[in-house]
């Protein structure tokens, strides 16, 4: 997809920013990234979409673009900063790819009563 955009959110979970449900259909186990694209729009439309996102109704908007992918290659003119969960990651161009089952967790057993 090539288009002028205001913002791009790539997620593997449903929530961002402490509780905004940006990708209600996202799953941590489906092996896909959920991509929400906010096109470059007039300020009034951006404000409306922000309000919709806070209410969780942005997924019904015809102005938003939603896609799913295993791998994304992102370029921009000019280069733009990339953040991962609020932490600076670098600049475009960037490739983001799902690594299924790459994270292993050790969870202690609950204490016996």
PDB file of N, CA and C in Angstrom:
ATOM      1  N   UNK A   1       0.862  -1.166   0.000  1.00  0.00           N
ATOM      2  CA  UNK A   1       0.000   0.000   0.000  1.00  0.00           C
ATOM      3  C   UNK A   1       0.904   1.223   0.000  1.00  0.00           C
ATOM      4  N   UNK A   2       0.637   2.155  -0.864  1.00  0.00           N
ATOM      5  CA  UNK A   2       1.362   3.413  -0.870  1.00  0.00           C
ATOM      6  C   UNK A   2       0.336   4.529  -0.773  1.00  0.00           C
ATOM      7  N   UNK A   3       0.442   5.312   0.310  1.00  0.00           N
ATOM      8  CA  UNK A   3      -0.513   6.389   0.525  1.00  0.00           C
ATOM      9  C   UNK A   3       0.017   7.358   1.570  1.00  0.00           C
ATOM     10  N   UNK A   4      -0.428   8.608   1.524  1.00  0.00           N
ATOM     11  CA  UNK A   4      -0.054   9.542   2.594  1.00  0.00           C
ATOM     12  C   UNK A   4      -0.831   9.188   3.861  1.00  0.00           C
ATOM     13  N   UNK A   5      -0.122   9.075   4.979  1.00  0.00           N
ATOM     14  CA  UNK A   5      -0.780   8.680   6.226  1.00  0.00           C
ATOM     15  C   UNK A   5      -0.439   9.657   7.344  1.00  0.00           C
ATOM     16  N   UNK A   6      -1.306   9.664   8.356  1.00  0.00           N
ATOM     17  CA  UNK A   6      -1.073  10.447   9.559  1.00  0.00           C
ATOM     18  C   UNK A   6      -0.395   9.582  10.615  1.00  0.00           C
ATOM     19  N   UNK A   7      -0.832   8.312  10.707  1.00  0.00           N
ATOM     20  CA  UNK A   7      -0.260   7.404  11.707  1.00  0.00           C
ATOM     21  C   UNK A   7      -0.477   5.968  11.265  1.00  0.00           C
ATOM     22  N   UNK A   8       0.383   5.101  11.780  1.00  0.00           N
ATOM     23  CA  UNK A   8       0.330   3.667  11.487  1.00  0.00           C
ATOM     24  C   UNK A   8       0.575   2.935  12.796  1.00  0.00           C
ATOM     25  N   UNK A   9      -0.334   2.019  13.134  1.00  0.00           N
ATOM     26  CA  UNK A   9      -0.182   1.238  14.356  1.00  0.00           C
ATOM     27  C   UNK A   9      -0.134  -0.234  13.958  1.00  0.00           C
ATOM     28  N   UNK A  10       0.930  -0.901  14.393  1.00  0.00           N
ATOM     29  CA  UNK A  10       1.095  -2.334  14.140  1.00  0.00           C
ATOM     30  C   UNK A  10       1.044  -3.018  15.489  1.00  0.00           C
ATOM     31  N   UNK A  11       0.177  -4.004  15.611  1.00  0.00           N
ATOM     32  CA  UNK A  11       0.036  -4.646  16.922  1.00  0.00           C
ATOM     33  C   UNK A  11      -0.175  -6.141  16.786  1.00  0.00           C
ATOM     34  N   UNK A  12       0.191  -6.848  17.838  1.00  0.00           N
ATOM     35  CA  UNK A  12      -0.147  -8.257  17.929  1.00  0.00           C
ATOM     36  C   UNK A  12      -1.138  -8.484  19.068  1.00  0.00           C
ATOM     37  N   UNK A  13      -1.420  -7.426  19.801  1.00  0.00           N
ATOM     38  CA  UNK A  13      -2.411  -7.462  20.866  1.00  0.00           C
ATOM     39  C   UNK A  13      -3.499  -6.445  20.582  1.00  0.00           C
ATOM     40  N   UNK A  14      -4.544  -6.487  21.364  1.00  0.00           N
ATOM     41  CA  UNK A  14      -5.708  -5.644  21.118  1.00  0.00           C
ATOM     42  C   UNK A  14      -5.544  -4.204  21.581  1.00  0.00           C
ATOM     43  N   UNK A  15      -4.739  -3.970  22.635  1.00  0.00           N
ATOM     44  CA  UNK A  15      -4.726  -2.666  23.298  1.00  0.00           C
ATOM     45  C   UNK A  15      -3.396  -1.927  23.123  1.00  0.00           C
ATOM     46  N   UNK A  16      -3.494  -0.589  23.100  1.00  0.00           N
ATOM     47  CA  UNK A  16      -2.312   0.283  23.119  1.00  0.00           C
ATOM     48  C   UNK A  16      -2.556   1.392  24.141  1.00  0.00           C
ATOM     49  N   UNK A  17      -1.500   2.070  24.522  1.00  0.00           N
ATOM     50  CA  UNK A  17      -1.582   3.284  25.341  1.00  0.00           C
ATOM     51  C   UNK A  17      -2.442   3.118  26.587  1.00  0.00           C
ATOM     52  N   UNK A  18      -2.260   2.021  27.286  1.00  0.00           N
ATOM     53  CA  UNK A  18      -2.942   1.850  28.560  1.00  0.00           C
ATOM     54  C   UNK A  18      -4.426   1.574  28.471  1.00  0.00           C
ATOM     55  N   UNK A  19      -4.906   1.048  27.348  1.00  0.00           N
ATOM     56  CA  UNK A  19      -6.301   0.638  27.317  1.00  0.00           C
ATOM     57  C   UNK A  19      -7.098   1.001  26.083  1.00  0.00           C
ATOM     58  N   UNK A  20      -6.505   1.648  25.084  1.00  0.00           N
ATOM     59  CA  UNK A  20      -7.236   1.933  23.854  1.00  0.00           C
ATOM     60  C   UNK A  20      -7.249   0.654  23.025  1.00  0.00           C
ATOM     61  N   UNK A  21      -8.433   0.162  22.726  1.00  0.00           N
ATOM     62  CA  UNK A  21      -8.563  -1.090  21.972  1.00  0.00           C
ATOM     63  C   UNK A  21      -8.455  -0.782  20.476  1.00  0.00           C
ATOM     64  N   UNK A  22      -7.222  -0.653  20.003  1.00  0.00           N
ATOM     65  CA  UNK A  22      -6.956  -0.262  18.621  1.00  0.00           C
ATOM     66  C   UNK A  22      -7.231  -1.399  17.642  1.00  0.00           C
ATOM     67  N   UNK A  23      -7.037  -2.645  18.089  1.00  0.00           N
ATOM     68  CA  UNK A  23      -7.194  -3.805  17.211  1.00  0.00           C
ATOM     69  C   UNK A  23      -8.020  -4.877  17.919  1.00  0.00           C
ATOM     70  N   UNK A  24      -9.346  -4.698  17.971  1.00  0.00           N
ATOM     71  CA  UNK A  24     -10.186  -5.608  18.748  1.00  0.00           C
ATOM     72  C   UNK A  24     -10.148  -7.064  18.290  1.00  0.00           C
ATOM     73  N   UNK A  25      -9.739  -7.309  17.053  1.00  0.00           N
ATOM     74  CA  UNK A  25      -9.690  -8.682  16.544  1.00  0.00           C
ATOM     75  C   UNK A  25      -8.296  -9.296  16.607  1.00  0.00           C
ATOM     76  N   UNK A  26      -7.337  -8.571  17.159  1.00  0.00           N
ATOM     77  CA  UNK A  26      -5.960  -9.078  17.240  1.00  0.00           C
ATOM     78  C   UNK A  26      -5.881 -10.248  18.214  1.00  0.00           C
ATOM     79  N   UNK A  27      -4.963 -11.149  17.903  1.00  0.00           N
ATOM     80  CA  UNK A  27      -4.732 -12.309  18.763  1.00  0.00           C
ATOM     81  C   UNK A  27      -3.230 -12.507  18.919  1.00  0.00           C
ATOM     82  N   UNK A  28      -2.803 -12.779  20.136  1.00  0.00           N
ATOM     83  CA  UNK A  28      -1.379 -13.028  20.377  1.00  0.00           C
ATOM     84  C   UNK A  28      -0.928 -14.361  19.793  1.00  0.00           C
ATOM     85  N   UNK A  29      -1.864 -15.216  19.414  1.00  0.00           N
ATOM     86  CA  UNK A  29      -1.504 -16.567  18.987  1.00  0.00           C
ATOM     87  C   UNK A  29      -1.808 -16.867  17.527  1.00  0.00           C
ATOM     88  N   UNK A  30      -2.294 -15.890  16.743  1.00  0.00           N
ATOM     89  CA  UNK A  30      -2.661 -16.200  15.352  1.00  0.00           C
ATOM     90  C   UNK A  30      -1.506 -16.071  14.365  1.00  0.00           C
ATOM     91  N   UNK A  31      -0.338 -15.593  14.809  1.00  0.00           N
ATOM     92  CA  UNK A  31       0.815 -15.468  13.925  1.00  0.00           C
ATOM     93  C   UNK A  31       0.726 -14.287  12.967  1.00  0.00           C
ATOM     94  N   UNK A  32      -0.192 -13.361  13.234  1.00  0.00           N
ATOM     95  CA  UNK A  32      -0.373 -12.213  12.353  1.00  0.00           C
ATOM     96  C   UNK A  32      -0.231 -10.899  13.115  1.00  0.00           C
ATOM     97  N   UNK A  33       0.189  -9.884  12.399  1.00  0.00           N
ATOM     98  CA  UNK A  33       0.219  -8.522  12.929  1.00  0.00           C
ATOM     99  C   UNK A  33      -1.044  -7.814  12.442  1.00  0.00           C
ATOM    100  N   UNK A  34      -1.686  -7.077  13.313  1.00  0.00           N
ATOM    101  CA  UNK A  34      -2.836  -6.266  12.920  1.00  0.00           C
ATOM    102  C   UNK A  34      -2.323  -4.858  12.647  1.00  0.00           C
ATOM    103  N   UNK A  35      -2.697  -4.321  11.498  1.00  0.00           N
ATOM    104  CA  UNK A  35      -2.203  -3.029  11.046  1.00  0.00           C
ATOM    105  C   UNK A  35      -3.386  -2.076  10.927  1.00  0.00           C
ATOM    106  N   UNK A  36      -3.318  -0.962  11.636  1.00  0.00           N
ATOM    107  CA  UNK A  36      -4.325   0.091  11.556  1.00  0.00           C
ATOM    108  C   UNK A  36      -3.668   1.314  10.932  1.00  0.00           C
ATOM    109  N   UNK A  37      -4.201   1.749   9.799  1.00  0.00           N
ATOM    110  CA  UNK A  37      -3.629   2.876   9.067  1.00  0.00           C
ATOM    111  C   UNK A  37      -4.607   4.047   9.150  1.00  0.00           C
ATOM    112  N   UNK A  38      -4.105   5.150   9.666  1.00  0.00           N
ATOM    113  CA  UNK A  38      -4.883   6.375   9.727  1.00  0.00           C
ATOM    114  C   UNK A  38      -4.392   7.271   8.595  1.00  0.00           C
ATOM    115  N   UNK A  39      -5.177   7.389   7.514  1.00  0.00           N
ATOM    116  CA  UNK A  39      -4.740   8.198   6.373  1.00  0.00           C
ATOM    117  C   UNK A  39      -4.630   9.669   6.728  1.00  0.00           C
ATOM    118  N   UNK A  40      -3.925  10.388   5.880  1.00  0.00           N
ATOM    119  CA  UNK A  40      -3.857  11.843   6.015  1.00  0.00           C
ATOM    120  C   UNK A  40      -5.255  12.383   5.705  1.00  0.00           C
ATOM    121  N   UNK A  41      -5.849  13.063   6.686  1.00  0.00           N
ATOM    122  CA  UNK A  41      -7.224  13.545   6.571  1.00  0.00           C
ATOM    123  C   UNK A  41      -7.307  14.980   7.094  1.00  0.00           C
ATOM    124  N   UNK A  42      -8.406  15.679   6.784  1.00  0.00           N
ATOM    125  CA  UNK A  42      -8.612  17.000   7.390  1.00  0.00           C
ATOM    126  C   UNK A  42      -8.668  16.877   8.908  1.00  0.00           C
ATOM    127  N   UNK A  43      -8.283  17.937   9.585  1.00  0.00           N
ATOM    128  CA  UNK A  43      -8.205  17.944  11.047  1.00  0.00           C
ATOM    129  C   UNK A  43      -9.517  17.512  11.699  1.00  0.00           C
ATOM    130  N   UNK A  44     -10.649  17.937  11.183  1.00  0.00           N
ATOM    131  CA  UNK A  44     -11.951  17.560  11.767  1.00  0.00           C
ATOM    132  C   UNK A  44     -12.158  16.047  11.687  1.00  0.00           C
ATOM    133  N   UNK A  45     -11.766  15.435  10.584  1.00  0.00           N
ATOM    134  CA  UNK A  45     -11.903  13.982  10.440  1.00  0.00           C
ATOM    135  C   UNK A  45     -10.966  13.246  11.383  1.00  0.00           C
ATOM    136  N   UNK A  46      -9.737  13.765  11.547  1.00  0.00           N
ATOM    137  CA  UNK A  46      -8.790  13.156  12.482  1.00  0.00           C
ATOM    138  C   UNK A  46      -9.330  13.216  13.905  1.00  0.00           C
ATOM    139  N   UNK A  47      -9.893  14.351  14.274  1.00  0.00           N
ATOM    140  CA  UNK A  47     -10.461  14.500  15.620  1.00  0.00           C
ATOM    141  C   UNK A  47     -11.609  13.521  15.826  1.00  0.00           C
ATOM    142  N   UNK A  48     -12.437  13.365  14.817  1.00  0.00           N
ATOM    143  CA  UNK A  48     -13.557  12.423  14.900  1.00  0.00           C
ATOM    144  C   UNK A  48     -13.059  10.991  15.053  1.00  0.00           C
ATOM    145  N   UNK A  49     -12.033  10.617  14.288  1.00  0.00           N
ATOM    146  CA  UNK A  49     -11.481   9.263  14.386  1.00  0.00           C
ATOM    147  C   UNK A  49     -10.820   9.023  15.737  1.00  0.00           C
ATOM    148  N   UNK A  50     -10.178  10.043  16.289  1.00  0.00           N
ATOM    149  CA  UNK A  50      -9.588   9.908  17.616  1.00  0.00           C
ATOM    150  C   UNK A  50     -10.682   9.625  18.645  1.00  0.00           C
ATOM    151  N   UNK A  51     -11.776  10.357  18.560  1.00  0.00           N
ATOM    152  CA  UNK A  51     -12.909  10.137  19.472  1.00  0.00           C
ATOM    153  C   UNK A  51     -13.467   8.728  19.293  1.00  0.00           C
ATOM    154  N   UNK A  52     -13.573   8.285  18.041  1.00  0.00           N
ATOM    155  CA  UNK A  52     -14.066   6.931  17.764  1.00  0.00           C
ATOM    156  C   UNK A  52     -13.118   5.877  18.342  1.00  0.00           C
ATOM    157  N   UNK A  53     -11.809   6.115  18.211  1.00  0.00           N
ATOM    158  CA  UNK A  53     -10.829   5.155  18.743  1.00  0.00           C
ATOM    159  C   UNK A  53     -10.951   5.044  20.254  1.00  0.00           C
ATOM    160  N   UNK A  54     -11.160   6.171  20.925  1.00  0.00           N
ATOM    161  CA  UNK A  54     -11.313   6.143  22.382  1.00  0.00           C
ATOM    162  C   UNK A  54     -12.562   5.362  22.793  1.00  0.00           C
ATOM    163  N   UNK A  55     -13.584   5.380  21.933  1.00  0.00           N
ATOM    164  CA  UNK A  55     -14.832   4.671  22.216  1.00  0.00           C
ATOM    165  C   UNK A  55     -14.829   3.246  21.661  1.00  0.00           C
ATOM    166  N   UNK A  56     -13.785   2.902  20.879  1.00  0.00           N
ATOM    167  CA  UNK A  56     -13.706   1.562  20.300  1.00  0.00           C
ATOM    168  C   UNK A  56     -14.562   1.368  19.060  1.00  0.00           C
ATOM    169  N   UNK A  57     -15.041   2.454  18.465  1.00  0.00           N
ATOM    170  CA  UNK A  57     -15.895   2.319  17.281  1.00  0.00           C
ATOM    171  C   UNK A  57     -15.168   2.644  15.978  1.00  0.00           C
ATOM    172  N   UNK A  58     -13.870   2.922  16.044  1.00  0.00           N
ATOM    173  CA  UNK A  58     -13.098   3.264  14.850  1.00  0.00           C
ATOM    174  C   UNK A  58     -13.028   2.132  13.838  1.00  0.00           C
ATOM    175  N   UNK A  59     -13.226   0.894  14.282  1.00  0.00           N
ATOM    176  CA  UNK A  59     -13.149  -0.243  13.357  1.00  0.00           C
ATOM    177  C   UNK A  59     -14.275  -0.211  12.330  1.00  0.00           C
ATOM    178  N   UNK A  60     -15.326   0.552  12.597  1.00  0.00           N
ATOM    179  CA  UNK A  60     -16.437   0.685  11.656  1.00  0.00           C
ATOM    180  C   UNK A  60     -16.246   1.853  10.694  1.00  0.00           C
ATOM    181  N   UNK A  61     -15.186   2.620  10.864  1.00  0.00           N
ATOM    182  CA  UNK A  61     -14.950   3.795  10.037  1.00  0.00           C
ATOM    183  C   UNK A  61     -14.498   3.400   8.634  1.00  0.00           C
ATOM    184  N   UNK A  62     -15.077   4.062   7.647  1.00  0.00           N
ATOM    185  CA  UNK A  62     -14.657   3.834   6.261  1.00  0.00           C
ATOM    186  C   UNK A  62     -13.347   4.556   5.948  1.00  0.00           C
ATOM    187  N   UNK A  63     -12.930   5.475   6.826  1.00  0.00           N
ATOM    188  CA  UNK A  63     -11.700   6.229   6.594  1.00  0.00           C
ATOM    189  C   UNK A  63     -10.457   5.471   7.047  1.00  0.00           C
ATOM    190  N   UNK A  64     -10.600   4.603   8.038  1.00  0.00           N
ATOM    191  CA  UNK A  64      -9.473   3.806   8.533  1.00  0.00           C
ATOM    192  C   UNK A  64      -9.217   2.641   7.583  1.00  0.00           C
ATOM    193  N   UNK A  65      -7.971   2.213   7.524  1.00  0.00           N
ATOM    194  CA  UNK A  65      -7.597   1.046   6.726  1.00  0.00           C
ATOM    195  C   UNK A  65      -7.052  -0.008   7.694  1.00  0.00           C
ATOM    196  N   UNK A  66      -7.593  -1.215   7.634  1.00  0.00           N
ATOM    197  CA  UNK A  66      -7.150  -2.304   8.494  1.00  0.00           C
ATOM    198  C   UNK A  66      -6.656  -3.451   7.626  1.00  0.00           C
ATOM    199  N   UNK A  67      -5.499  -3.966   7.975  1.00  0.00           N
ATOM    200  CA  UNK A  67      -4.898  -5.097   7.259  1.00  0.00           C
ATOM    201  C   UNK A  67      -4.292  -6.038   8.275  1.00  0.00           C
ATOM    202  N   UNK A  68      -3.951  -7.242   7.814  1.00  0.00           N
ATOM    203  CA  UNK A  68      -3.211  -8.205   8.615  1.00  0.00           C
ATOM    204  C   UNK A  68      -2.064  -8.737   7.766  1.00  0.00           C
ATOM    205  N   UNK A  69      -0.948  -9.025   8.431  1.00  0.00           N
ATOM    206  CA  UNK A  69       0.221  -9.509   7.692  1.00  0.00           C
ATOM    207  C   UNK A  69       1.151 -10.258   8.629  1.00  0.00           C
ATOM    208  N   UNK A  70       1.970 -11.127   8.064  1.00  0.00           N
ATOM    209  CA  UNK A  70       3.023 -11.795   8.822  1.00  0.00           C
ATOM    210  C   UNK A  70       4.305 -10.956   8.808  1.00  0.00           C
ATOM    211  N   UNK A  71       4.468 -10.179   7.726  1.00  0.00           N
ATOM    212  CA  UNK A  71       5.685  -9.391   7.567  1.00  0.00           C
ATOM    213  C   UNK A  71       5.329  -8.062   6.896  1.00  0.00           C
ATOM    214  N   UNK A  72       5.937  -6.980   7.398  1.00  0.00           N
ATOM    215  CA  UNK A  72       5.725  -5.650   6.831  1.00  0.00           C
ATOM    216  C   UNK A  72       7.063  -5.006   6.530  1.00  0.00           C
ATOM    217  N   UNK A  73       7.145  -4.359   5.390  1.00  0.00           N
ATOM    218  CA  UNK A  73       8.304  -3.548   5.051  1.00  0.00           C
ATOM    219  C   UNK A  73       7.799  -2.126   4.923  1.00  0.00           C
ATOM    220  N   UNK A  74       8.298  -1.247   5.774  1.00  0.00           N
ATOM    221  CA  UNK A  74       7.780   0.118   5.842  1.00  0.00           C
ATOM    222  C   UNK A  74       8.868   1.093   5.425  1.00  0.00           C
ATOM    223  N   UNK A  75       8.527   1.935   4.464  1.00  0.00           N
ATOM    224  CA  UNK A  75       9.412   3.017   4.039  1.00  0.00           C
ATOM    225  C   UNK A  75       8.613   4.316   4.110  1.00  0.00           C
ATOM    226  N   UNK A  76       9.319   5.417   4.190  1.00  0.00           N
ATOM    227  CA  UNK A  76       8.643   6.713   4.214  1.00  0.00           C
ATOM    228  C   UNK A  76       9.554   7.775   3.639  1.00  0.00           C
ATOM    229  N   UNK A  77       8.933   8.837   3.148  1.00  0.00           N
ATOM    230  CA  UNK A  77       9.637  10.020   2.681  1.00  0.00           C
ATOM    231  C   UNK A  77       9.029  11.198   3.400  1.00  0.00           C
ATOM    232  N   UNK A  78       9.722  11.858   4.304  1.00  0.00           N
ATOM    233  CA  UNK A  78      11.091  11.597   4.779  1.00  0.00           C
ATOM    234  C   UNK A  78      11.106  10.411   5.745  1.00  0.00           C
ATOM    235  N   UNK A  79      12.314  10.064   6.218  1.00  0.00           N
ATOM    236  CA  UNK A  79      12.415   9.022   7.225  1.00  0.00           C
ATOM    237  C   UNK A  79      11.629   9.439   8.456  1.00  0.00           C
ATOM    238  N   UNK A  80      11.011   8.447   9.120  1.00  0.00           N
ATOM    239  CA  UNK A  80      10.199   8.730  10.304  1.00  0.00           C
ATOM    240  C   UNK A  80      10.671   7.852  11.459  1.00  0.00           C
ATOM    241  N   UNK A  81      10.512   8.355  12.703  1.00  0.00           N
ATOM    242  CA  UNK A  81      10.892   7.543  13.861  1.00  0.00           C
ATOM    243  C   UNK A  81       9.931   6.375  14.053  1.00  0.00           C
ATOM    244  N   UNK A  82      10.471   5.276  14.567  1.00  0.00           N
ATOM    245  CA  UNK A  82       9.699   4.077  14.877  1.00  0.00           C
ATOM    246  C   UNK A  82       9.758   3.865  16.385  1.00  0.00           C
ATOM    247  N   UNK A  83       8.615   3.610  16.992  1.00  0.00           N
ATOM    248  CA  UNK A  83       8.539   3.309  18.420  1.00  0.00           C
ATOM    249  C   UNK A  83       7.924   1.933  18.604  1.00  0.00           C
ATOM    250  N   UNK A  84       8.457   1.186  19.542  1.00  0.00           N
ATOM    251  CA  UNK A  84       7.888  -0.114  19.905  1.00  0.00           C
ATOM    252  C   UNK A  84       7.449  -0.016  21.360  1.00  0.00           C
ATOM    253  N   UNK A  85       6.162  -0.037  21.567  1.00  0.00           N
ATOM    254  CA  UNK A  85       5.593   0.073  22.908  1.00  0.00           C
ATOM    255  C   UNK A  85       6.112   1.316  23.625  1.00  0.00           C
ATOM    256  N   UNK A  86       6.217   2.414  22.856  1.00  0.00           N
ATOM    257  CA  UNK A  86       6.646   3.684  23.432  1.00  0.00           C
ATOM    258  C   UNK A  86       8.143   3.890  23.510  1.00  0.00           C
ATOM    259  N   UNK A  87       8.923   2.893  23.158  1.00  0.00           N
ATOM    260  CA  UNK A  87      10.385   3.005  23.212  1.00  0.00           C
ATOM    261  C   UNK A  87      10.938   3.261  21.817  1.00  0.00           C
ATOM    262  N   UNK A  88      11.857   4.222  21.655  1.00  0.00           N
ATOM    263  CA  UNK A  88      12.452   4.479  20.346  1.00  0.00           C
ATOM    264  C   UNK A  88      13.156   3.231  19.818  1.00  0.00           C
ATOM    265  N   UNK A  89      12.885   2.918  18.549  1.00  0.00           N
ATOM    266  CA  UNK A  89      13.441   1.707  17.941  1.00  0.00           C
ATOM    267  C   UNK A  89      14.371   2.036  16.778  1.00  0.00           C
ATOM    268  N   UNK A  90      14.246   3.223  16.229  1.00  0.00           N
ATOM    269  CA  UNK A  90      15.049   3.600  15.074  1.00  0.00           C
ATOM    270  C   UNK A  90      14.206   4.426  14.127  1.00  0.00           C
ATOM    271  N   UNK A  91      14.541   4.348  12.845  1.00  0.00           N
ATOM    272  CA  UNK A  91      13.815   5.093  11.822  1.00  0.00           C
ATOM    273  C   UNK A  91      13.477   4.185  10.656  1.00  0.00           C
ATOM    274  N   UNK A  92      12.538   4.653   9.838  1.00  0.00           N
ATOM    275  CA  UNK A  92      12.247   3.935   8.606  1.00  0.00           C
ATOM    276  C   UNK A  92      13.446   4.081   7.674  1.00  0.00           C
ATOM    277  N   UNK A  93      13.691   3.129   6.809  1.00  0.00           N
ATOM    278  CA  UNK A  93      12.891   1.939   6.549  1.00  0.00           C
ATOM    279  C   UNK A  93      13.067   0.884   7.642  1.00  0.00           C
ATOM    280  N   UNK A  94      12.031   0.062   7.811  1.00  0.00           N
ATOM    281  CA  UNK A  94      12.065  -0.987   8.820  1.00  0.00           C
ATOM    282  C   UNK A  94      11.262  -2.187   8.311  1.00  0.00           C
ATOM    283  N   UNK A  95      11.690  -3.363   8.703  1.00  0.00           N
ATOM    284  CA  UNK A  95      10.941  -4.587   8.424  1.00  0.00           C
ATOM    285  C   UNK A  95      10.499  -5.158   9.755  1.00  0.00           C
ATOM    286  N   UNK A  96       9.226  -5.466   9.853  1.00  0.00           N
ATOM    287  CA  UNK A  96       8.653  -6.040  11.074  1.00  0.00           C
ATOM    288  C   UNK A  96       8.029  -7.366  10.701  1.00  0.00           C
ATOM    289  N   UNK A  97       8.398  -8.408  11.446  1.00  0.00           N
ATOM    290  CA  UNK A  97       7.952  -9.763  11.102  1.00  0.00           C
ATOM    291  C   UNK A  97       7.565 -10.525  12.357  1.00  0.00           C
ATOM    292  N   UNK A  98       6.509 -11.306  12.248  1.00  0.00           N
ATOM    293  CA  UNK A  98       6.076 -12.158  13.359  1.00  0.00           C
ATOM    294  C   UNK A  98       7.052 -13.327  13.497  1.00  0.00           C
ATOM    295  N   UNK A  99       7.422 -13.619  14.722  1.00  0.00           N
ATOM    296  CA  UNK A  99       8.256 -14.779  15.033  1.00  0.00           C
ATOM    297  C   UNK A  99       7.397 -15.711  15.891  1.00  0.00           C
ATOM    298  N   UNK A 100       6.597 -16.589  15.282  1.00  0.00           N
ATOM    299  CA  UNK A 100       5.692 -17.438  16.061  1.00  0.00           C
ATOM    300  C   UNK A 100       6.418 -18.254  17.125  1.00  0.00           C
ATOM    301  N   UNK A 101       5.853 -18.257  18.302  1.00  0.00           N
ATOM    302  CA  UNK A 101       6.329 -19.029  19.449  1.00  0.00           C
ATOM    303  C   UNK A 101       7.773 -18.717  19.822  1.00  0.00           C
ATOM    304  N   UNK A 102       8.228 -17.484  19.550  1.00  0.00           N
ATOM    305  CA  UNK A 102       9.619 -17.111  19.848  1.00  0.00           C
ATOM    306  C   UNK A 102       9.827 -16.767  21.316  1.00  0.00           C
ATOM    307  N   UNK A 103       8.791 -16.413  22.021  1.00  0.00           N
ATOM    308  CA  UNK A 103       8.909 -16.016  23.414  1.00  0.00           C
ATOM    309  C   UNK A 103       8.574 -17.194  24.314  1.00  0.00           C
ATOM    310  N   UNK A 104       9.510 -17.532  25.181  1.00  0.00           N
ATOM    311  CA  UNK A 104       9.309 -18.613  26.139  1.00  0.00           C
ATOM    312  C   UNK A 104       9.216 -18.004  27.526  1.00  0.00           C
ATOM    313  N   UNK A 105       8.238 -18.399  28.287  1.00  0.00           N
ATOM    314  CA  UNK A 105       8.038 -17.883  29.634  1.00  0.00           C
ATOM    315  C   UNK A 105       8.152 -18.998  30.652  1.00  0.00           C
ATOM    316  N   UNK A 106       8.791 -18.693  31.758  1.00  0.00           N
ATOM    317  CA  UNK A 106       8.826 -19.597  32.902  1.00  0.00           C
ATOM    318  C   UNK A 106       7.925 -18.993  33.964  1.00  0.00           C
ATOM    319  N   UNK A 107       6.906 -19.726  34.325  1.00  0.00           N
ATOM    320  CA  UNK A 107       5.929 -19.234  35.294  1.00  0.00           C
ATOM    321  C   UNK A 107       5.965 -20.148  36.506  1.00  0.00           C
ATOM    322  N   UNK A 108       6.196 -19.571  37.684  1.00  0.00           N
ATOM    323  CA  UNK A 108       6.227 -20.434  38.883  1.00  0.00           C
ATOM    324  C   UNK A 108       4.849 -21.039  39.160  1.00  0.00           C
ATOM    325  N   UNK A 109       4.870 -22.207  39.744  1.00  0.00           N
ATOM    326  CA  UNK A 109       3.609 -22.827  40.136  1.00  0.00           C
ATOM    327  C   UNK A 109       3.033 -22.062  41.307  1.00  0.00           C
ATOM    328  N   UNK A 110       1.715 -22.001  41.384  1.00  0.00           N
ATOM    329  CA  UNK A 110       1.101 -21.294  42.526  1.00  0.00           C
ATOM    330  C   UNK A 110       1.433 -22.033  43.824  1.00  0.00           C
ATOM    331  N   UNK A 111       1.552 -21.285  44.916  1.00  0.00           N
ATOM    332  CA  UNK A 111       1.873 -21.931  46.205  1.00  0.00           C
ATOM    333  C   UNK A 111       0.724 -22.865  46.621  1.00  0.00           C
ATOM    334  N   UNK A 112       1.124 -23.930  47.300  1.00  0.00           N
ATOM    335  CA  UNK A 112       0.104 -24.856  47.807  1.00  0.00           C
ATOM    336  C   UNK A 112      -0.558 -24.233  49.022  1.00  0.00           C
ATOM    337  N   UNK A 113      -1.834 -24.494  49.158  1.00  0.00           N
ATOM    338  CA  UNK A 113      -2.576 -23.967  50.322  1.00  0.00           C
ATOM    339  C   UNK A 113      -2.404 -24.819  51.531  1.00  0.00           C
TER     340      UNK A 113
END
